[in-house]
PDB file of N, CA and C in Angstrom:
ATOM      1  N   MET A   1     -37.263 -14.926  69.038  1.00  0.00           N
ATOM      2  CA  MET A   1     -36.956 -16.028  69.922  1.00  0.00           C
ATOM      3  C   MET A   1     -38.204 -16.330  70.742  1.00  0.00           C
ATOM      4  N   LYS A   2     -38.614 -17.586  70.740  1.00  0.00           N
ATOM      5  CA  LYS A   2     -39.756 -17.995  71.565  1.00  0.00           C
ATOM      6  C   LYS A   2     -39.258 -18.803  72.750  1.00  0.00           C
ATOM      7  N   LEU A   3     -39.836 -18.517  73.903  1.00  0.00           N
ATOM      8  CA  LEU A   3     -39.382 -19.096  75.158  1.00  0.00           C
ATOM      9  C   LEU A   3     -40.309 -20.202  75.634  1.00  0.00           C
ATOM     10  N   LEU A   4     -39.717 -21.217  76.238  1.00  0.00           N
ATOM     11  CA  LEU A   4     -40.458 -22.270  76.924  1.00  0.00           C
ATOM     12  C   LEU A   4     -40.074 -22.177  78.396  1.00  0.00           C
ATOM     13  N   LEU A   5     -40.995 -21.659  79.204  1.00  0.00           N
ATOM     14  CA  LEU A   5     -40.731 -21.490  80.620  1.00  0.00           C
ATOM     15  C   LEU A   5     -40.880 -22.817  81.341  1.00  0.00           C
ATOM     16  N   ASP A   6     -39.912 -23.137  82.164  1.00  0.00           N
ATOM     17  CA  ASP A   6     -39.954 -24.349  82.975  1.00  0.00           C
ATOM     18  C   ASP A   6     -41.066 -24.211  84.016  1.00  0.00           C
ATOM     19  N   GLU A   7     -41.421 -25.329  84.640  1.00  0.00           N
ATOM     20  CA  GLU A   7     -42.508 -25.304  85.613  1.00  0.00           C
ATOM     21  C   GLU A   7     -42.185 -24.476  86.850  1.00  0.00           C
ATOM     22  N   ASN A   8     -40.915 -24.149  87.070  1.00  0.00           N
ATOM     23  CA  ASN A   8     -40.551 -23.325  88.213  1.00  0.00           C
ATOM     24  C   ASN A   8     -40.753 -21.832  87.948  1.00  0.00           C
ATOM     25  N   LEU A   9     -41.272 -21.499  86.772  1.00  0.00           N
ATOM     26  CA  LEU A   9     -41.616 -20.124  86.424  1.00  0.00           C
ATOM     27  C   LEU A   9     -43.119 -20.059  86.123  1.00  0.00           C
ATOM     28  N   SER A  10     -43.744 -19.018  86.578  1.00  0.00           N
ATOM     29  CA  SER A  10     -45.194 -18.896  86.487  1.00  0.00           C
ATOM     30  C   SER A  10     -45.716 -18.847  85.053  1.00  0.00           C
ATOM     31  N   ARG A  11     -46.789 -19.576  84.817  1.00  0.00           N
ATOM     32  CA  ARG A  11     -47.446 -19.516  83.504  1.00  0.00           C
ATOM     33  C   ARG A  11     -48.094 -18.154  83.276  1.00  0.00           C
ATOM     34  N   ARG A  12     -48.271 -17.395  84.350  1.00  0.00           N
ATOM     35  CA  ARG A  12     -48.845 -16.049  84.223  1.00  0.00           C
ATOM     36  C   ARG A  12     -47.902 -15.071  83.527  1.00  0.00           C
ATOM     37  N   LEU A  13     -46.655 -15.466  83.360  1.00  0.00           N
ATOM     38  CA  LEU A  13     -45.697 -14.648  82.612  1.00  0.00           C
ATOM     39  C   LEU A  13     -45.958 -14.689  81.109  1.00  0.00           C
ATOM     40  N   VAL A  14     -46.554 -15.757  80.642  1.00  0.00           N
ATOM     41  CA  VAL A  14     -46.690 -15.983  79.201  1.00  0.00           C
ATOM     42  C   VAL A  14     -47.370 -14.819  78.476  1.00  0.00           C
ATOM     43  N   PRO A  15     -48.552 -14.356  78.894  1.00  0.00           N
ATOM     44  CA  PRO A  15     -49.161 -13.249  78.165  1.00  0.00           C
ATOM     45  C   PRO A  15     -48.332 -11.959  78.216  1.00  0.00           C
ATOM     46  N   LEU A  16     -47.579 -11.792  79.286  1.00  0.00           N
ATOM     47  CA  LEU A  16     -46.764 -10.587  79.445  1.00  0.00           C
ATOM     48  C   LEU A  16     -45.515 -10.601  78.561  1.00  0.00           C
ATOM     49  N   LEU A  17     -45.144 -11.763  78.085  1.00  0.00           N
ATOM     50  CA  LEU A  17     -43.956 -11.919  77.237  1.00  0.00           C
ATOM     51  C   LEU A  17     -44.265 -11.868  75.743  1.00  0.00           C
ATOM     52  N   GLN A  18     -45.531 -11.977  75.372  1.00  0.00           N
ATOM     53  CA  GLN A  18     -45.888 -12.177  73.968  1.00  0.00           C
ATOM     54  C   GLN A  18     -45.419 -11.080  73.019  1.00  0.00           C
ATOM     55  N   SER A  19     -45.426  -9.833  73.429  1.00  0.00           N
ATOM     56  CA  SER A  19     -45.007  -8.781  72.491  1.00  0.00           C
ATOM     57  C   SER A  19     -43.505  -8.818  72.223  1.00  0.00           C
ATOM     58  N   ASP A  20     -42.707  -9.199  73.202  1.00  0.00           N
ATOM     59  CA  ASP A  20     -41.260  -9.246  73.020  1.00  0.00           C
ATOM     60  C   ASP A  20     -40.743 -10.635  72.645  1.00  0.00           C
ATOM     61  N   PHE A  21     -41.458 -11.666  73.066  1.00  0.00           N
ATOM     62  CA  PHE A  21     -41.086 -13.049  72.780  1.00  0.00           C
ATOM     63  C   PHE A  21     -42.326 -13.791  72.261  1.00  0.00           C
ATOM     64  N   PRO A  22     -42.736 -13.495  71.017  1.00  0.00           N
ATOM     65  CA  PRO A  22     -43.963 -14.106  70.469  1.00  0.00           C
ATOM     66  C   PRO A  22     -43.902 -15.632  70.481  1.00  0.00           C
ATOM     67  N   GLN A  23     -45.045 -16.245  70.689  1.00  0.00           N
ATOM     68  CA  GLN A  23     -45.237 -17.698  70.704  1.00  0.00           C
ATOM     69  C   GLN A  23     -44.604 -18.378  71.908  1.00  0.00           C
ATOM     70  N   SER A  24     -44.220 -17.604  72.905  1.00  0.00           N
ATOM     71  CA  SER A  24     -43.671 -18.200  74.121  1.00  0.00           C
ATOM     72  C   SER A  24     -44.768 -18.898  74.903  1.00  0.00           C
ATOM     73  N   THR A  25     -44.371 -19.871  75.711  1.00  0.00           N
ATOM     74  CA  THR A  25     -45.328 -20.632  76.497  1.00  0.00           C
ATOM     75  C   THR A  25     -44.639 -21.178  77.752  1.00  0.00           C
ATOM     76  N   GLN A  26     -45.377 -21.949  78.496  1.00  0.00           N
ATOM     77  CA  GLN A  26     -44.861 -22.565  79.711  1.00  0.00           C
ATOM     78  C   GLN A  26     -45.162 -24.051  79.637  1.00  0.00           C
ATOM     79  N   VAL A  27     -44.334 -24.883  80.263  1.00  0.00           N
ATOM     80  CA  VAL A  27     -44.452 -26.333  80.092  1.00  0.00           C
ATOM     81  C   VAL A  27     -45.840 -26.872  80.413  1.00  0.00           C
ATOM     82  N   ALA A  28     -46.495 -26.370  81.436  1.00  0.00           N
ATOM     83  CA  ALA A  28     -47.834 -26.864  81.789  1.00  0.00           C
ATOM     84  C   ALA A  28     -48.846 -26.551  80.684  1.00  0.00           C
ATOM     85  N   LEU A  29     -48.641 -25.465  79.968  1.00  0.00           N
ATOM     86  CA  LEU A  29     -49.578 -25.059  78.920  1.00  0.00           C
ATOM     87  C   LEU A  29     -49.460 -25.916  77.663  1.00  0.00           C
ATOM     88  N   VAL A  30     -48.389 -26.693  77.563  1.00  0.00           N
ATOM     89  CA  VAL A  30     -48.219 -27.596  76.411  1.00  0.00           C
ATOM     90  C   VAL A  30     -48.270 -29.056  76.845  1.00  0.00           C
ATOM     91  N   GLY A  31     -48.813 -29.295  78.029  1.00  0.00           N
ATOM     92  CA  GLY A  31     -49.018 -30.663  78.494  1.00  0.00           C
ATOM     93  C   GLY A  31     -47.796 -31.347  79.077  1.00  0.00           C
ATOM     94  N   LEU A  32     -46.797 -30.576  79.496  1.00  0.00           N
ATOM     95  CA  LEU A  32     -45.567 -31.162  80.027  1.00  0.00           C
ATOM     96  C   LEU A  32     -45.375 -30.862  81.515  1.00  0.00           C
ATOM     97  N   GLU A  33     -46.463 -30.656  82.215  1.00  0.00           N
ATOM     98  CA  GLU A  33     -46.392 -30.240  83.621  1.00  0.00           C
ATOM     99  C   GLU A  33     -45.589 -31.197  84.492  1.00  0.00           C
ATOM    100  N   ARG A  34     -45.721 -32.478  84.294  1.00  0.00           N
ATOM    101  CA  ARG A  34     -45.011 -33.445  85.122  1.00  0.00           C
ATOM    102  C   ARG A  34     -43.905 -34.169  84.356  1.00  0.00           C
ATOM    103  N   ALA A  35     -43.511 -33.586  83.236  1.00  0.00           N
ATOM    104  CA  ALA A  35     -42.487 -34.219  82.399  1.00  0.00           C
ATOM    105  C   ALA A  35     -41.106 -34.074  83.018  1.00  0.00           C
ATOM    106  N   ASP A  36     -40.249 -35.050  82.735  1.00  0.00           N
ATOM    107  CA  ASP A  36     -38.870 -34.941  83.201  1.00  0.00           C
ATOM    108  C   ASP A  36     -38.103 -33.965  82.303  1.00  0.00           C
ATOM    109  N   ASP A  37     -36.910 -33.588  82.766  1.00  0.00           N
ATOM    110  CA  ASP A  37     -36.129 -32.575  82.058  1.00  0.00           C
ATOM    111  C   ASP A  37     -35.769 -32.985  80.640  1.00  0.00           C
ATOM    112  N   ARG A  38     -35.473 -34.252  80.421  1.00  0.00           N
ATOM    113  CA  ARG A  38     -35.112 -34.710  79.070  1.00  0.00           C
ATOM    114  C   ARG A  38     -36.292 -34.608  78.096  1.00  0.00           C
ATOM    115  N   THR A  39     -37.490 -34.855  78.581  1.00  0.00           N
ATOM    116  CA  THR A  39     -38.678 -34.718  77.738  1.00  0.00           C
ATOM    117  C   THR A  39     -38.900 -33.256  77.365  1.00  0.00           C
ATOM    118  N   ILE A  40     -38.738 -32.374  78.336  1.00  0.00           N
ATOM    119  CA  ILE A  40     -38.871 -30.933  78.081  1.00  0.00           C
ATOM    120  C   ILE A  40     -37.782 -30.486  77.103  1.00  0.00           C
ATOM    121  N   TRP A  41     -36.567 -30.970  77.316  1.00  0.00           N
ATOM    122  CA  TRP A  41     -35.449 -30.654  76.428  1.00  0.00           C
ATOM    123  C   TRP A  41     -35.773 -31.053  74.981  1.00  0.00           C
ATOM    124  N   ARG A  42     -36.237 -32.271  74.820  1.00  0.00           N
ATOM    125  CA  ARG A  42     -36.570 -32.785  73.484  1.00  0.00           C
ATOM    126  C   ARG A  42     -37.690 -31.958  72.841  1.00  0.00           C
ATOM    127  N   TYR A  43     -38.719 -31.631  73.627  1.00  0.00           N
ATOM    128  CA  TYR A  43     -39.831 -30.826  73.113  1.00  0.00           C
ATOM    129  C   TYR A  43     -39.325 -29.458  72.642  1.00  0.00           C
ATOM    130  N   ALA A  44     -38.499 -28.814  73.461  1.00  0.00           N
ATOM    131  CA  ALA A  44     -37.956 -27.503  73.096  1.00  0.00           C
ATOM    132  C   ALA A  44     -37.136 -27.592  71.811  1.00  0.00           C
ATOM    133  N   LYS A  45     -36.319 -28.608  71.715  1.00  0.00           N
ATOM    134  CA  LYS A  45     -35.481 -28.794  70.531  1.00  0.00           C
ATOM    135  C   LYS A  45     -36.316 -29.011  69.274  1.00  0.00           C
ATOM    136  N   GLU A  46     -37.310 -29.866  69.372  1.00  0.00           N
ATOM    137  CA  GLU A  46     -38.154 -30.196  68.217  1.00  0.00           C
ATOM    138  C   GLU A  46     -39.055 -29.039  67.785  1.00  0.00           C
ATOM    139  N   ASN A  47     -39.319 -28.116  68.704  1.00  0.00           N
ATOM    140  CA  ASN A  47     -40.265 -27.039  68.405  1.00  0.00           C
ATOM    141  C   ASN A  47     -39.646 -25.647  68.392  1.00  0.00           C
ATOM    142  N   GLY A  48     -38.327 -25.573  68.437  1.00  0.00           N
ATOM    143  CA  GLY A  48     -37.633 -24.295  68.272  1.00  0.00           C
ATOM    144  C   GLY A  48     -37.732 -23.333  69.443  1.00  0.00           C
ATOM    145  N   TYR A  49     -37.829 -23.868  70.659  1.00  0.00           N
ATOM    146  CA  TYR A  49     -37.916 -23.012  71.845  1.00  0.00           C
ATOM    147  C   TYR A  49     -36.547 -22.818  72.492  1.00  0.00           C
ATOM    148  N   THR A  50     -36.438 -21.726  73.232  1.00  0.00           N
ATOM    149  CA  THR A  50     -35.347 -21.500  74.176  1.00  0.00           C
ATOM    150  C   THR A  50     -35.917 -21.789  75.553  1.00  0.00           C
ATOM    151  N   ILE A  51     -35.270 -22.660  76.306  1.00  0.00           N
ATOM    152  CA  ILE A  51     -35.743 -23.017  77.647  1.00  0.00           C
ATOM    153  C   ILE A  51     -35.316 -21.937  78.634  1.00  0.00           C
ATOM    154  N   VAL A  52     -36.252 -21.525  79.485  1.00  0.00           N
ATOM    155  CA  VAL A  52     -35.956 -20.580  80.559  1.00  0.00           C
ATOM    156  C   VAL A  52     -36.277 -21.283  81.872  1.00  0.00           C
ATOM    157  N   SER A  53     -35.298 -21.320  82.782  1.00  0.00           N
ATOM    158  CA  SER A  53     -35.481 -22.059  84.022  1.00  0.00           C
ATOM    159  C   SER A  53     -34.650 -21.463  85.148  1.00  0.00           C
ATOM    160  N   ARG A  54     -35.084 -21.725  86.363  1.00  0.00           N
ATOM    161  CA  ARG A  54     -34.272 -21.421  87.552  1.00  0.00           C
ATOM    162  C   ARG A  54     -33.435 -22.641  87.940  1.00  0.00           C
ATOM    163  N   ASP A  55     -33.639 -23.729  87.252  1.00  0.00           N
ATOM    164  CA  ASP A  55     -33.073 -25.034  87.579  1.00  0.00           C
ATOM    165  C   ASP A  55     -31.735 -25.258  86.883  1.00  0.00           C
ATOM    166  N   ALA A  56     -30.721 -25.672  87.625  1.00  0.00           N
ATOM    167  CA  ALA A  56     -29.395 -25.940  87.062  1.00  0.00           C
ATOM    168  C   ALA A  56     -29.382 -27.165  86.149  1.00  0.00           C
ATOM    169  N   ASP A  57     -30.404 -28.003  86.216  1.00  0.00           N
ATOM    170  CA  ASP A  57     -30.425 -29.219  85.398  1.00  0.00           C
ATOM    171  C   ASP A  57     -30.342 -28.914  83.906  1.00  0.00           C
ATOM    172  N   PHE A  58     -30.996 -27.843  83.458  1.00  0.00           N
ATOM    173  CA  PHE A  58     -30.955 -27.516  82.037  1.00  0.00           C
ATOM    174  C   PHE A  58     -29.593 -26.960  81.627  1.00  0.00           C
ATOM    175  N   GLU A  59     -28.931 -26.274  82.540  1.00  0.00           N
ATOM    176  CA  GLU A  59     -27.561 -25.818  82.277  1.00  0.00           C
ATOM    177  C   GLU A  59     -26.662 -27.035  82.081  1.00  0.00           C
ATOM    178  N   GLU A  60     -26.855 -28.044  82.904  1.00  0.00           N
ATOM    179  CA  GLU A  60     -26.063 -29.267  82.793  1.00  0.00           C
ATOM    180  C   GLU A  60     -26.334 -29.988  81.474  1.00  0.00           C
ATOM    181  N   LEU A  61     -27.602 -30.050  81.069  1.00  0.00           N
ATOM    182  CA  LEU A  61     -27.927 -30.678  79.781  1.00  0.00           C
ATOM    183  C   LEU A  61     -27.293 -29.914  78.622  1.00  0.00           C
ATOM    184  N   SER A  62     -27.273 -28.585  78.713  1.00  0.00           N
ATOM    185  CA  SER A  62     -26.664 -27.805  77.633  1.00  0.00           C
ATOM    186  C   SER A  62     -25.153 -28.010  77.586  1.00  0.00           C
ATOM    187  N   ALA A  63     -24.529 -28.217  78.747  1.00  0.00           N
ATOM    188  CA  ALA A  63     -23.091 -28.489  78.773  1.00  0.00           C
ATOM    189  C   ALA A  63     -22.775 -29.839  78.126  1.00  0.00           C
ATOM    190  N   ILE A  64     -23.675 -30.788  78.282  1.00  0.00           N
ATOM    191  CA  ILE A  64     -23.480 -32.129  77.711  1.00  0.00           C
ATOM    192  C   ILE A  64     -23.834 -32.164  76.229  1.00  0.00           C
ATOM    193  N   HIS A  65     -24.993 -31.597  75.886  1.00  0.00           N
ATOM    194  CA  HIS A  65     -25.533 -31.740  74.530  1.00  0.00           C
ATOM    195  C   HIS A  65     -25.369 -30.518  73.646  1.00  0.00           C
ATOM    196  N   GLY A  66     -25.062 -29.365  74.225  1.00  0.00           N
ATOM    197  CA  GLY A  66     -25.002 -28.138  73.430  1.00  0.00           C
ATOM    198  C   GLY A  66     -26.389 -27.694  73.025  1.00  0.00           C
ATOM    199  N   ALA A  67     -26.440 -26.780  72.092  1.00  0.00           N
ATOM    200  CA  ALA A  67     -27.723 -26.284  71.593  1.00  0.00           C
ATOM    201  C   ALA A  67     -27.937 -26.836  70.193  1.00  0.00           C
ATOM    202  N   PRO A  68     -29.146 -26.939  69.699  1.00  0.00           N
ATOM    203  CA  PRO A  68     -30.374 -26.524  70.365  1.00  0.00           C
ATOM    204  C   PRO A  68     -30.854 -27.563  71.376  1.00  0.00           C
ATOM    205  N   PRO A  69     -31.723 -27.189  72.253  1.00  0.00           N
ATOM    206  CA  PRO A  69     -32.244 -25.840  72.452  1.00  0.00           C
ATOM    207  C   PRO A  69     -31.300 -25.010  73.319  1.00  0.00           C
ATOM    208  N   PRO A  70     -31.279 -23.712  73.082  1.00  0.00           N
ATOM    209  CA  PRO A  70     -30.539 -22.856  73.982  1.00  0.00           C
ATOM    210  C   PRO A  70     -31.254 -22.753  75.330  1.00  0.00           C
ATOM    211  N   VAL A  71     -30.511 -22.354  76.352  1.00  0.00           N
ATOM    212  CA  VAL A  71     -31.050 -22.278  77.709  1.00  0.00           C
ATOM    213  C   VAL A  71     -30.723 -20.922  78.318  1.00  0.00           C
ATOM    214  N   ILE A  72     -31.722 -20.329  78.965  1.00  0.00           N
ATOM    215  CA  ILE A  72     -31.513 -19.147  79.796  1.00  0.00           C
ATOM    216  C   ILE A  72     -31.733 -19.601  81.229  1.00  0.00           C
ATOM    217  N   TRP A  73     -30.658 -19.531  82.009  1.00  0.00           N
ATOM    218  CA  TRP A  73     -30.693 -19.973  83.400  1.00  0.00           C
ATOM    219  C   TRP A  73     -30.853 -18.740  84.281  1.00  0.00           C
ATOM    220  N   ILE A  74     -32.029 -18.586  84.871  1.00  0.00           N
ATOM    221  CA  ILE A  74     -32.334 -17.435  85.721  1.00  0.00           C
ATOM    222  C   ILE A  74     -31.625 -17.619  87.061  1.00  0.00           C
ATOM    223  N   ARG A  75     -30.747 -16.687  87.383  1.00  0.00           N
ATOM    224  CA  ARG A  75     -29.920 -16.801  88.584  1.00  0.00           C
ATOM    225  C   ARG A  75     -30.187 -15.652  89.557  1.00  0.00           C
ATOM    226  N   ILE A  76     -31.458 -15.413  89.835  1.00  0.00           N
ATOM    227  CA  ILE A  76     -31.814 -14.420  90.844  1.00  0.00           C
ATOM    228  C   ILE A  76     -32.573 -15.127  91.950  1.00  0.00           C
ATOM    229  N   PRO A  77     -32.507 -14.595  93.158  1.00  0.00           N
ATOM    230  CA  PRO A  77     -33.304 -15.185  94.236  1.00  0.00           C
ATOM    231  C   PRO A  77     -34.775 -15.184  93.839  1.00  0.00           C
ATOM    232  N   ASN A  78     -35.546 -16.016  94.441  1.00  0.00           N
ATOM    233  CA  ASN A  78     -36.948 -16.176  94.090  1.00  0.00           C
ATOM    234  C   ASN A  78     -37.766 -14.948  94.493  1.00  0.00           C
ATOM    235  N   HIS A  79     -37.717 -13.923  93.625  1.00  0.00           N
ATOM    236  CA  HIS A  79     -38.425 -12.675  93.889  1.00  0.00           C
ATOM    237  C   HIS A  79     -39.804 -12.616  93.245  1.00  0.00           C
ATOM    238  N   GLY A  80     -40.205 -13.639  92.538  1.00  0.00           N
ATOM    239  CA  GLY A  80     -41.515 -13.629  91.903  1.00  0.00           C
ATOM    240  C   GLY A  80     -41.439 -13.293  90.430  1.00  0.00           C
ATOM    241  N   ARG A  81     -42.597 -13.356  89.826  1.00  0.00           N
ATOM    242  CA  ARG A  81     -42.640 -13.242  88.367  1.00  0.00           C
ATOM    243  C   ARG A  81     -42.290 -11.862  87.837  1.00  0.00           C
ATOM    244  N   SER A  82     -42.580 -10.795  88.589  1.00  0.00           N
ATOM    245  CA  SER A  82     -42.270  -9.460  88.074  1.00  0.00           C
ATOM    246  C   SER A  82     -40.765  -9.260  87.905  1.00  0.00           C
ATOM    247  N   ALA A  83     -39.967  -9.799  88.807  1.00  0.00           N
ATOM    248  CA  ALA A  83     -38.511  -9.681  88.690  1.00  0.00           C
ATOM    249  C   ALA A  83     -38.003 -10.461  87.482  1.00  0.00           C
ATOM    250  N   VAL A  84     -38.550 -11.647  87.256  1.00  0.00           N
ATOM    251  CA  VAL A  84     -38.149 -12.457  86.093  1.00  0.00           C
ATOM    252  C   VAL A  84     -38.557 -11.755  84.809  1.00  0.00           C
ATOM    253  N   LEU A  85     -39.769 -11.238  84.766  1.00  0.00           N
ATOM    254  CA  LEU A  85     -40.259 -10.522  83.586  1.00  0.00           C
ATOM    255  C   LEU A  85     -39.363  -9.331  83.278  1.00  0.00           C
ATOM    256  N   LYS A  86     -39.080  -8.537  84.276  1.00  0.00           N
ATOM    257  CA  LYS A  86     -38.248  -7.349  84.091  1.00  0.00           C
ATOM    258  C   LYS A  86     -36.864  -7.733  83.566  1.00  0.00           C
ATOM    259  N   LEU A  87     -36.293  -8.780  84.108  1.00  0.00           N
ATOM    260  CA  LEU A  87     -34.975  -9.241  83.702  1.00  0.00           C
ATOM    261  C   LEU A  87     -34.962  -9.703  82.239  1.00  0.00           C
ATOM    262  N   LEU A  88     -35.943 -10.509  81.861  1.00  0.00           N
ATOM    263  CA  LEU A  88     -36.016 -11.000  80.481  1.00  0.00           C
ATOM    264  C   LEU A  88     -36.233  -9.860  79.481  1.00  0.00           C
ATOM    265  N   LEU A  89     -37.118  -8.952  79.812  1.00  0.00           N
ATOM    266  CA  LEU A  89     -37.404  -7.843  78.903  1.00  0.00           C
ATOM    267  C   LEU A  89     -36.221  -6.892  78.788  1.00  0.00           C
ATOM    268  N   LYS A  90     -35.591  -6.603  79.898  1.00  0.00           N
ATOM    269  CA  LYS A  90     -34.460  -5.671  79.908  1.00  0.00           C
ATOM    270  C   LYS A  90     -33.297  -6.184  79.050  1.00  0.00           C
ATOM    271  N   HIS A  91     -33.085  -7.486  79.037  1.00  0.00           N
ATOM    272  CA  HIS A  91     -31.929  -8.065  78.350  1.00  0.00           C
ATOM    273  C   HIS A  91     -32.298  -8.822  77.075  1.00  0.00           C
ATOM    274  N   ARG A  92     -33.480  -8.586  76.561  1.00  0.00           N
ATOM    275  CA  ARG A  92     -33.973  -9.318  75.386  1.00  0.00           C
ATOM    276  C   ARG A  92     -33.003  -9.294  74.211  1.00  0.00           C
ATOM    277  N   ASP A  93     -32.539  -8.121  73.834  1.00  0.00           N
ATOM    278  CA  ASP A  93     -31.665  -8.026  72.663  1.00  0.00           C
ATOM    279  C   ASP A  93     -30.342  -8.751  72.879  1.00  0.00           C
ATOM    280  N   LEU A  94     -29.771  -8.592  74.056  1.00  0.00           N
ATOM    281  CA  LEU A  94     -28.511  -9.261  74.364  1.00  0.00           C
ATOM    282  C   LEU A  94     -28.683 -10.779  74.404  1.00  0.00           C
ATOM    283  N   LEU A  95     -29.785 -11.234  74.975  1.00  0.00           N
ATOM    284  CA  LEU A  95     -30.067 -12.672  75.009  1.00  0.00           C
ATOM    285  C   LEU A  95     -30.172 -13.227  73.597  1.00  0.00           C
ATOM    286  N   GLN A  96     -30.934 -12.539  72.776  1.00  0.00           N
ATOM    287  CA  GLN A  96     -31.138 -13.000  71.404  1.00  0.00           C
ATOM    288  C   GLN A  96     -29.823 -13.024  70.635  1.00  0.00           C
ATOM    289  N   GLU A  97     -29.049 -11.969  70.752  1.00  0.00           N
ATOM    290  CA  GLU A  97     -27.777 -11.899  70.048  1.00  0.00           C
ATOM    291  C   GLU A  97     -26.819 -12.996  70.511  1.00  0.00           C
ATOM    292  N   THR A  98     -26.726 -13.183  71.796  1.00  0.00           N
ATOM    293  CA  THR A  98     -25.776 -14.146  72.344  1.00  0.00           C
ATOM    294  C   THR A  98     -26.176 -15.585  72.027  1.00  0.00           C
ATOM    295  N   LEU A  99     -27.452 -15.904  72.198  1.00  0.00           N
ATOM    296  CA  LEU A  99     -27.898 -17.278  71.977  1.00  0.00           C
ATOM    297  C   LEU A  99     -27.974 -17.647  70.504  1.00  0.00           C
ATOM    298  N   GLN A 100     -28.514 -16.758  69.691  1.00  0.00           N
ATOM    299  CA  GLN A 100     -28.753 -17.119  68.301  1.00  0.00           C
ATOM    300  C   GLN A 100     -27.600 -16.769  67.380  1.00  0.00           C
ATOM    301  N   GLU A 101     -27.067 -15.575  67.515  1.00  0.00           N
ATOM    302  CA  GLU A 101     -26.033 -15.144  66.586  1.00  0.00           C
ATOM    303  C   GLU A 101     -24.651 -15.671  66.956  1.00  0.00           C
ATOM    304  N   LYS A 102     -24.380 -15.802  68.235  1.00  0.00           N
ATOM    305  CA  LYS A 102     -23.069 -16.273  68.664  1.00  0.00           C
ATOM    306  C   LYS A 102     -23.058 -17.766  68.971  1.00  0.00           C
ATOM    307  N   GLY A 103     -24.220 -18.400  68.937  1.00  0.00           N
ATOM    308  CA  GLY A 103     -24.293 -19.842  69.103  1.00  0.00           C
ATOM    309  C   GLY A 103     -24.002 -20.361  70.495  1.00  0.00           C
ATOM    310  N   VAL A 104     -24.196 -19.550  71.508  1.00  0.00           N
ATOM    311  CA  VAL A 104     -23.973 -19.978  72.884  1.00  0.00           C
ATOM    312  C   VAL A 104     -25.105 -20.908  73.302  1.00  0.00           C
ATOM    313  N   ALA A 105     -24.785 -21.980  74.029  1.00  0.00           N
ATOM    314  CA  ALA A 105     -25.795 -22.963  74.430  1.00  0.00           C
ATOM    315  C   ALA A 105     -26.570 -22.549  75.670  1.00  0.00           C
ATOM    316  N   CYS A 106     -25.916 -21.846  76.609  1.00  0.00           N
ATOM    317  CA  CYS A 106     -26.572 -21.481  77.861  1.00  0.00           C
ATOM    318  C   CYS A 106     -26.072 -20.129  78.344  1.00  0.00           C
ATOM    319  N   ILE A 107     -27.012 -19.322  78.786  1.00  0.00           N
ATOM    320  CA  ILE A 107     -26.685 -18.023  79.372  1.00  0.00           C
ATOM    321  C   ILE A 107     -27.188 -18.015  80.803  1.00  0.00           C
ATOM    322  N   GLU A 108     -26.354 -17.540  81.708  1.00  0.00           N
ATOM    323  CA  GLU A 108     -26.791 -17.289  83.079  1.00  0.00           C
ATOM    324  C   GLU A 108     -27.237 -15.839  83.141  1.00  0.00           C
ATOM    325  N   LEU A 109     -28.465 -15.635  83.563  1.00  0.00           N
ATOM    326  CA  LEU A 109     -29.024 -14.296  83.636  1.00  0.00           C
ATOM    327  C   LEU A 109     -29.277 -13.957  85.103  1.00  0.00           C
ATOM    328  N   GLY A 110     -28.481 -13.044  85.617  1.00  0.00           N
ATOM    329  CA  GLY A 110     -28.568 -12.677  87.022  1.00  0.00           C
ATOM    330  C   GLY A 110     -28.909 -11.222  87.213  1.00  0.00           C
ATOM    331  N   PRO A 111     -28.831 -10.738  88.443  1.00  0.00           N
ATOM    332  CA  PRO A 111     -29.202  -9.345  88.743  1.00  0.00           C
ATOM    333  C   PRO A 111     -28.391  -8.327  87.950  1.00  0.00           C
ATOM    334  N   GLN A 112     -27.168  -8.662  87.624  1.00  0.00           N
ATOM    335  CA  GLN A 112     -26.312  -7.744  86.866  1.00  0.00           C
ATOM    336  C   GLN A 112     -26.413  -7.955  85.362  1.00  0.00           C
ATOM    337  N   GLY A 113     -27.284  -8.863  84.937  1.00  0.00           N
ATOM    338  CA  GLY A 113     -27.432  -9.145  83.520  1.00  0.00           C
ATOM    339  C   GLY A 113     -26.852 -10.499  83.171  1.00  0.00           C
ATOM    340  N   VAL A 114     -26.272 -10.577  81.989  1.00  0.00           N
ATOM    341  CA  VAL A 114     -25.745 -11.834  81.481  1.00  0.00           C
ATOM    342  C   VAL A 114     -24.383 -12.104  82.085  1.00  0.00           C
ATOM    343  N   ASP A 115     -24.228 -13.321  82.625  1.00  0.00           N
ATOM    344  CA  ASP A 115     -22.944 -13.749  83.199  1.00  0.00           C
ATOM    345  C   ASP A 115     -22.241 -14.677  82.246  1.00  0.00           C
TER     346      ASP A 115
END
């Protein structure tokens, strides 16, 4: 599973995710820094990404349109990139299984894991 991090998540996470989520990137790194949510959604869909965001807007788009692209909605207080990294890595297998194998459009990922 390759991740497309929304602009509300640090691009500095990208190199730290590569071993567990190869080919992952962040919106600014693909020229979408000021793009609206629908443009990011379309890019993720066309390029096989899972969107990762702290923003509820992508959860709403997934409720309307379904997947692809799947969405991981980070639901932790703004603790910085290390907390997000730890959360994604800790739950990698469950995220992959739930999004890809079970066909879920959006997962809320909080301090207790997948909601």
